[in-house]
C-alpha atoms as a PDB file:
ATOM      1  CA  UNK A   1      -7.117 -10.074  16.440  1.00  0.00           C
ATOM      2  CA  UNK A   2      -9.504  -7.324  17.505  1.00  0.00           C
ATOM      3  CA  UNK A   3      -6.624  -4.865  17.873  1.00  0.00           C
ATOM      4  CA  UNK A   4      -5.319  -5.477  14.335  1.00  0.00           C
ATOM      5  CA  UNK A   5      -6.338  -2.969  11.656  1.00  0.00           C
ATOM      6  CA  UNK A   6      -6.011  -4.176   8.073  1.00  0.00           C
ATOM      7  CA  UNK A   7      -5.733  -1.188   5.728  1.00  0.00           C
ATOM      8  CA  UNK A   8      -7.303  -2.590   2.584  1.00  0.00           C
ATOM      9  CA  UNK A   9      -7.875   0.601   0.605  1.00  0.00           C
ATOM     10  CA  UNK A  10      -7.545  -0.204  -3.121  1.00  0.00           C
ATOM     11  CA  UNK A  11      -4.647   2.232  -3.595  1.00  0.00           C
ATOM     12  CA  UNK A  12      -2.750   0.682  -0.693  1.00  0.00           C
ATOM     13  CA  UNK A  13      -3.277  -2.830  -2.012  1.00  0.00           C
ATOM     14  CA  UNK A  14      -2.333  -1.828  -5.565  1.00  0.00           C
ATOM     15  CA  UNK A  15       0.951  -0.232  -4.519  1.00  0.00           C
ATOM     16  CA  UNK A  16       1.789  -3.135  -2.223  1.00  0.00           C
ATOM     17  CA  UNK A  17       1.342  -5.577  -5.103  1.00  0.00           C
ATOM     18  CA  UNK A  18       3.749  -3.556  -7.248  1.00  0.00           C
ATOM     19  CA  UNK A  19       6.280  -3.524  -4.395  1.00  0.00           C
ATOM     20  CA  UNK A  20       6.115  -7.298  -3.974  1.00  0.00           C
ATOM     21  CA  UNK A  21       7.314  -7.944  -7.531  1.00  0.00           C
ATOM     22  CA  UNK A  22      10.911  -9.176  -7.504  1.00  0.00           C
ATOM     23  CA  UNK A  23      11.761  -7.137 -10.602  1.00  0.00           C
ATOM     24  CA  UNK A  24      10.800  -3.811  -8.977  1.00  0.00           C
ATOM     25  CA  UNK A  25      13.879  -1.562  -8.967  1.00  0.00           C
ATOM     26  CA  UNK A  26      15.260   0.087  -5.839  1.00  0.00           C
ATOM     27  CA  UNK A  27      13.958   3.435  -7.042  1.00  0.00           C
ATOM     28  CA  UNK A  28      10.511   2.031  -7.769  1.00  0.00           C
ATOM     29  CA  UNK A  29      10.336   0.183  -4.447  1.00  0.00           C
ATOM     30  CA  UNK A  30      11.371   3.289  -2.496  1.00  0.00           C
ATOM     31  CA  UNK A  31       8.906   5.541  -4.328  1.00  0.00           C
ATOM     32  CA  UNK A  32       6.011   3.130  -3.835  1.00  0.00           C
ATOM     33  CA  UNK A  33       6.853   2.732  -0.162  1.00  0.00           C
ATOM     34  CA  UNK A  34       6.766   6.504   0.295  1.00  0.00           C
ATOM     35  CA  UNK A  35       3.379   6.741  -1.415  1.00  0.00           C
ATOM     36  CA  UNK A  36       1.932   3.764   0.434  1.00  0.00           C
ATOM     37  CA  UNK A  37       3.161   5.044   3.804  1.00  0.00           C
ATOM     38  CA  UNK A  38       1.456   8.370   3.208  1.00  0.00           C
ATOM     39  CA  UNK A  39      -1.817   6.596   2.498  1.00  0.00           C
ATOM     40  CA  UNK A  40      -1.482   4.445   5.620  1.00  0.00           C
ATOM     41  CA  UNK A  41      -0.802   7.545   7.714  1.00  0.00           C
ATOM     42  CA  UNK A  42      -4.346   8.771   7.087  1.00  0.00           C
ATOM     43  CA  UNK A  43      -5.778   5.636   8.709  1.00  0.00           C
ATOM     44  CA  UNK A  44      -3.275   5.530  11.561  1.00  0.00           C
ATOM     45  CA  UNK A  45      -4.017   9.148  12.534  1.00  0.00           C
ATOM     46  CA  UNK A  46      -7.784   8.875  12.143  1.00  0.00           C
ATOM     47  CA  UNK A  47      -8.377   9.158  15.908  1.00  0.00           C
ATOM     48  CA  UNK A  48      -5.882  11.947  16.630  1.00  0.00           C
ATOM     49  CA  UNK A  49      -7.113  14.492  19.164  1.00  0.00           C
ATOM     50  CA  UNK A  50      -8.190  17.874  17.810  1.00  0.00           C
ATOM     51  CA  UNK A  51      -8.676  21.291  19.318  1.00  0.00           C
ATOM     52  CA  UNK A  52     -10.618  24.404  18.370  1.00  0.00           C
ATOM     53  CA  UNK A  53      -8.834  27.558  17.250  1.00  0.00           C
ATOM     54  CA  UNK A  54     -10.138  30.881  16.047  1.00  0.00           C
ATOM     55  CA  UNK A  55      -9.119  31.894  12.531  1.00  0.00           C
ATOM     56  CA  UNK A  56     -10.124  34.470   9.946  1.00  0.00           C
ATOM     57  CA  UNK A  57     -11.267  33.394   6.510  1.00  0.00           C
ATOM     58  CA  UNK A  58     -11.425  35.966   3.697  1.00  0.00           C
ATOM     59  CA  UNK A  59     -15.041  36.548   4.747  1.00  0.00           C
ATOM     60  CA  UNK A  60     -15.278  36.273   8.534  1.00  0.00           C
ATOM     61  CA  UNK A  61     -13.909  34.963  11.800  1.00  0.00           C
ATOM     62  CA  UNK A  62     -14.696  31.331  12.645  1.00  0.00           C
ATOM     63  CA  UNK A  63     -13.781  28.514  14.984  1.00  0.00           C
ATOM     64  CA  UNK A  64     -12.105  25.571  13.268  1.00  0.00           C
ATOM     65  CA  UNK A  65     -10.343  22.366  14.273  1.00  0.00           C
ATOM     66  CA  UNK A  66      -6.615  21.595  14.114  1.00  0.00           C
ATOM     67  CA  UNK A  67      -4.367  18.783  15.337  1.00  0.00           C
ATOM     68  CA  UNK A  68      -1.258  19.270  17.423  1.00  0.00           C
ATOM     69  CA  UNK A  69       1.293  17.377  15.341  1.00  0.00           C
ATOM     70  CA  UNK A  70       4.016  18.108  17.895  1.00  0.00           C
ATOM     71  CA  UNK A  71       2.316  15.687  20.296  1.00  0.00           C
ATOM     72  CA  UNK A  72       2.840  12.831  17.843  1.00  0.00           C
ATOM     73  CA  UNK A  73       6.110  10.887  17.638  1.00  0.00           C
ATOM     74  CA  UNK A  74       7.000   8.595  14.770  1.00  0.00           C
ATOM     75  CA  UNK A  75       9.522   6.039  16.005  1.00  0.00           C
ATOM     76  CA  UNK A  76      11.531   4.319  13.291  1.00  0.00           C
ATOM     77  CA  UNK A  77      13.049   0.903  13.928  1.00  0.00           C
ATOM     78  CA  UNK A  78      16.370   1.203  12.108  1.00  0.00           C
ATOM     79  CA  UNK A  79      17.161   0.820   9.394  1.00  0.00           C
ATOM     80  CA  UNK A  80      14.146  -0.242   7.349  1.00  0.00           C
ATOM     81  CA  UNK A  81      11.698   1.839   9.375  1.00  0.00           C
ATOM     82  CA  UNK A  82      13.147   4.971   7.787  1.00  0.00           C
ATOM     83  CA  UNK A  83      11.545   3.883   4.528  1.00  0.00           C
ATOM     84  CA  UNK A  84       8.094   4.370   6.067  1.00  0.00           C
ATOM     85  CA  UNK A  85       9.056   7.442   8.070  1.00  0.00           C
ATOM     86  CA  UNK A  86       9.328   9.847   5.143  1.00  0.00           C
ATOM     87  CA  UNK A  87       5.819   9.088   3.883  1.00  0.00           C
ATOM     88  CA  UNK A  88       4.357   9.497   7.356  1.00  0.00           C
ATOM     89  CA  UNK A  89       6.090  12.858   7.840  1.00  0.00           C
ATOM     90  CA  UNK A  90       4.699  14.124   4.550  1.00  0.00           C
ATOM     91  CA  UNK A  91       1.238  13.844   6.114  1.00  0.00           C
ATOM     92  CA  UNK A  92       2.136  15.099   9.624  1.00  0.00           C
ATOM     93  CA  UNK A  93       5.256  17.251   9.092  1.00  0.00           C
ATOM     94  CA  UNK A  94       5.091  18.665  12.617  1.00  0.00           C
ATOM     95  CA  UNK A  95       5.548  15.268  14.255  1.00  0.00           C
ATOM     96  CA  UNK A  96       8.630  14.534  16.315  1.00  0.00           C
ATOM     97  CA  UNK A  97      10.861  11.588  15.375  1.00  0.00           C
ATOM     98  CA  UNK A  98      12.565   8.928  17.478  1.00  0.00           C
ATOM     99  CA  UNK A  99      14.853   6.074  16.460  1.00  0.00           C
ATOM    100  CA  UNK A 100      15.415   2.594  17.844  1.00  0.00           C
ATOM    101  CA  UNK A 101      18.404   0.680  16.512  1.00  0.00           C
ATOM    102  CA  UNK A 102      17.793  -3.069  16.588  1.00  0.00           C
ATOM    103  CA  UNK A 103      19.353  -5.924  14.681  1.00  0.00           C
ATOM    104  CA  UNK A 104      18.231  -9.529  14.540  1.00  0.00           C
ATOM    105  CA  UNK A 105      20.698 -12.115  15.806  1.00  0.00           C
ATOM    106  CA  UNK A 106      20.947 -14.547  12.864  1.00  0.00           C
ATOM    107  CA  UNK A 107      21.146 -17.583  15.140  1.00  0.00           C
ATOM    108  CA  UNK A 108      18.531 -16.842  17.786  1.00  0.00           C
ATOM    109  CA  UNK A 109      16.410 -14.322  15.782  1.00  0.00           C
ATOM    110  CA  UNK A 110      16.205 -12.223  18.962  1.00  0.00           C
ATOM    111  CA  UNK A 111      16.451  -8.422  18.800  1.00  0.00           C
ATOM    112  CA  UNK A 112      19.635  -6.727  20.001  1.00  0.00           C
ATOM    113  CA  UNK A 113      19.508  -2.973  20.706  1.00  0.00           C
ATOM    114  CA  UNK A 114      22.369  -0.701  19.625  1.00  0.00           C
ATOM    115  CA  UNK A 115      20.720   2.759  19.520  1.00  0.00           C
ATOM    116  CA  UNK A 116      17.856   4.567  21.261  1.00  0.00           C
ATOM    117  CA  UNK A 117      17.042   8.285  20.874  1.00  0.00           C
ATOM    118  CA  UNK A 118      13.684   9.889  21.641  1.00  0.00           C
ATOM    119  CA  UNK A 119      12.240  13.416  21.966  1.00  0.00           C
ATOM    120  CA  UNK A 120      11.774  14.920  25.411  1.00  0.00           C
ATOM    121  CA  UNK A 121       8.536  14.772  27.422  1.00  0.00           C
ATOM    122  CA  UNK A 122       7.423  11.435  25.985  1.00  0.00           C
ATOM    123  CA  UNK A 123       4.731  11.099  28.659  1.00  0.00           C
ATOM    124  CA  UNK A 124       2.811  13.840  26.815  1.00  0.00           C
ATOM    125  CA  UNK A 125       3.030  12.203  23.398  1.00  0.00           C
ATOM    126  CA  UNK A 126       1.359   9.551  21.261  1.00  0.00           C
ATOM    127  CA  UNK A 127       3.787   7.134  19.623  1.00  0.00           C
ATOM    128  CA  UNK A 128       3.555   5.441  16.229  1.00  0.00           C
ATOM    129  CA  UNK A 129       6.286   2.828  15.723  1.00  0.00           C
ATOM    130  CA  UNK A 130       7.099   2.139  12.065  1.00  0.00           C
ATOM    131  CA  UNK A 131       8.831  -0.919  10.575  1.00  0.00           C
ATOM    132  CA  UNK A 132       8.035  -2.489   7.189  1.00  0.00           C
ATOM    133  CA  UNK A 133       7.815  -6.058   8.498  1.00  0.00           C
ATOM    134  CA  UNK A 134       6.308  -7.657  11.604  1.00  0.00           C
ATOM    135  CA  UNK A 135       7.785 -11.139  11.231  1.00  0.00           C
ATOM    136  CA  UNK A 136       8.897 -12.972  14.384  1.00  0.00           C
ATOM    137  CA  UNK A 137       7.763  -9.952  16.384  1.00  0.00           C
ATOM    138  CA  UNK A 138      10.983  -9.845  18.412  1.00  0.00           C
ATOM    139  CA  UNK A 139      12.092  -6.395  17.237  1.00  0.00           C
ATOM    140  CA  UNK A 140       8.607  -4.931  17.675  1.00  0.00           C
ATOM    141  CA  UNK A 141       8.279  -6.382  21.181  1.00  0.00           C
ATOM    142  CA  UNK A 142      11.703  -5.035  22.186  1.00  0.00           C
ATOM    143  CA  UNK A 143      10.919  -1.571  20.789  1.00  0.00           C
ATOM    144  CA  UNK A 144       7.575  -1.381  22.583  1.00  0.00           C
ATOM    145  CA  UNK A 145       9.147  -2.491  25.867  1.00  0.00           C
ATOM    146  CA  UNK A 146      11.762   0.261  25.676  1.00  0.00           C
ATOM    147  CA  UNK A 147       9.189   2.906  24.777  1.00  0.00           C
ATOM    148  CA  UNK A 148       6.881   1.892  27.607  1.00  0.00           C
ATOM    149  CA  UNK A 149       9.693   2.804  29.992  1.00  0.00           C
ATOM    150  CA  UNK A 150       9.062   6.437  28.946  1.00  0.00           C
ATOM    151  CA  UNK A 151       5.294   6.220  29.643  1.00  0.00           C
ATOM    152  CA  UNK A 152       3.898   7.703  26.404  1.00  0.00           C
ATOM    153  CA  UNK A 153       0.158   8.391  26.197  1.00  0.00           C
ATOM    154  CA  UNK A 154      -0.344   5.645  23.609  1.00  0.00           C
ATOM    155  CA  UNK A 155       1.580   3.334  21.267  1.00  0.00           C
ATOM    156  CA  UNK A 156       0.620   2.038  17.823  1.00  0.00           C
ATOM    157  CA  UNK A 157       2.630  -0.232  15.541  1.00  0.00           C
ATOM    158  CA  UNK A 158       2.574   0.233  11.752  1.00  0.00           C
ATOM    159  CA  UNK A 159       3.970  -2.238   9.205  1.00  0.00           C
ATOM    160  CA  UNK A 160       3.484  -3.075   5.549  1.00  0.00           C
ATOM    161  CA  UNK A 161       3.336  -6.806   6.078  1.00  0.00           C
ATOM    162  CA  UNK A 162       2.858  -9.216   8.910  1.00  0.00           C
ATOM    163  CA  UNK A 163       1.925 -12.848   9.440  1.00  0.00           C
ATOM    164  CA  UNK A 164      -0.080 -14.804  12.041  1.00  0.00           C
ATOM    165  CA  UNK A 165       3.056 -15.611  14.047  1.00  0.00           C
ATOM    166  CA  UNK A 166       4.143 -11.974  14.284  1.00  0.00           C
ATOM    167  CA  UNK A 167       0.688 -10.739  15.216  1.00  0.00           C
ATOM    168  CA  UNK A 168       0.325 -13.417  17.895  1.00  0.00           C
ATOM    169  CA  UNK A 169       3.733 -12.651  19.406  1.00  0.00           C
ATOM    170  CA  UNK A 170       3.208  -8.877  19.621  1.00  0.00           C
ATOM    171  CA  UNK A 171      -0.337  -9.219  20.943  1.00  0.00           C
ATOM    172  CA  UNK A 172       0.735 -11.734  23.576  1.00  0.00           C
ATOM    173  CA  UNK A 173       3.480  -9.402  24.821  1.00  0.00           C
ATOM    174  CA  UNK A 174       1.622  -6.088  24.393  1.00  0.00           C
ATOM    175  CA  UNK A 175      -2.132  -6.595  23.934  1.00  0.00           C
ATOM    176  CA  UNK A 176      -2.720  -2.849  24.372  1.00  0.00           C
ATOM    177  CA  UNK A 177      -0.733  -1.920  21.235  1.00  0.00           C
ATOM    178  CA  UNK A 178      -2.822  -1.596  18.069  1.00  0.00           C
ATOM    179  CA  UNK A 179      -1.296  -3.047  14.892  1.00  0.00           C
ATOM    180  CA  UNK A 180      -1.867  -1.370  11.517  1.00  0.00           C
ATOM    181  CA  UNK A 181      -0.850  -3.325   8.417  1.00  0.00           C
ATOM    182  CA  UNK A 182      -1.552  -3.544   4.702  1.00  0.00           C
ATOM    183  CA  UNK A 183      -1.458  -7.356   4.598  1.00  0.00           C
ATOM    184  CA  UNK A 184      -1.331 -10.464   6.767  1.00  0.00           C
ATOM    185  CA  UNK A 185       0.641 -13.017   4.768  1.00  0.00           C
ATOM    186  CA  UNK A 186       0.565 -16.789   5.083  1.00  0.00           C
ATOM    187  CA  UNK A 187       3.426 -17.628   7.472  1.00  0.00           C
ATOM    188  CA  UNK A 188       7.096 -17.380   8.438  1.00  0.00           C
ATOM    189  CA  UNK A 189       9.643 -19.609   6.746  1.00  0.00           C
ATOM    190  CA  UNK A 190      12.479 -21.424   8.529  1.00  0.00           C
ATOM    191  CA  UNK A 191      14.708 -18.334   8.246  1.00  0.00           C
ATOM    192  CA  UNK A 192      12.177 -16.016   9.891  1.00  0.00           C
ATOM    193  CA  UNK A 193      11.052 -14.329   6.675  1.00  0.00           C
ATOM    194  CA  UNK A 194       7.409 -13.621   5.830  1.00  0.00           C
ATOM    195  CA  UNK A 195       6.098 -15.616   2.857  1.00  0.00           C
ATOM    196  CA  UNK A 196       5.041 -14.854   0.220  1.00  0.00           C
ATOM    197  CA  UNK A 197       6.250 -11.462   1.496  1.00  0.00           C
ATOM    198  CA  UNK A 198       8.432  -9.089  -0.509  1.00  0.00           C
ATOM    199  CA  UNK A 199      11.948 -10.093   0.526  1.00  0.00           C
ATOM    200  CA  UNK A 200      14.189  -8.126   2.877  1.00  0.00           C
ATOM    201  CA  UNK A 201      12.618  -4.658   3.074  1.00  0.00           C
ATOM    202  CA  UNK A 202      15.822  -2.935   4.185  1.00  0.00           C
ATOM    203  CA  UNK A 203      17.836  -4.390   1.317  1.00  0.00           C
ATOM    204  CA  UNK A 204      15.178  -3.412  -1.196  1.00  0.00           C
ATOM    205  CA  UNK A 205      14.858   0.144   0.154  1.00  0.00           C
ATOM    206  CA  UNK A 206      18.585   0.841   0.218  1.00  0.00           C
ATOM    207  CA  UNK A 207      19.708  -1.324  -2.686  1.00  0.00           C
ATOM    208  CA  UNK A 208      21.928  -3.589  -0.590  1.00  0.00           C
ATOM    209  CA  UNK A 209      20.658  -6.921  -1.879  1.00  0.00           C
END
């Protein structure tokens, strides 16, 4: 699991615990997810490339470093990924956004694609895929496969929760993709849900339980 990054900052862990509680309201869950995603974005973008620019302070001219946010693409796996997207964009507002529409076949648990829209010139960009849960890994694997067809510079995968089965599946299929998560839970249950988990992230974000 050398390519798995566990973000264990106390604020991240605190907010995740509050989100796990079954009595957390839709509004509370959504707000906490936004805050937690912003915190995770700092770790995910830690190695972003920087360049020198010349600026003027109130006192003198100097050379300082900036990032090129336009080279970064946040790719949301619909629909639940949009819950993470807003928090990430609050940290890197200049980033481009792509969407992958996938749903899980209830019988086979395999991912079925229904939508795919990305910015232009993906070969010049770094990609961060966002989805609250990495459970069976099928949706993540399918999303990465589609994105690799566009030859981006790099791909990372960000989730709130995962489990040993999900990590193993994604690493087996795409060992070059780094995984960033706030927790690695115990296991999957017979329905493909992470336990102890936090329930269905999409339902809790959008109030469709």
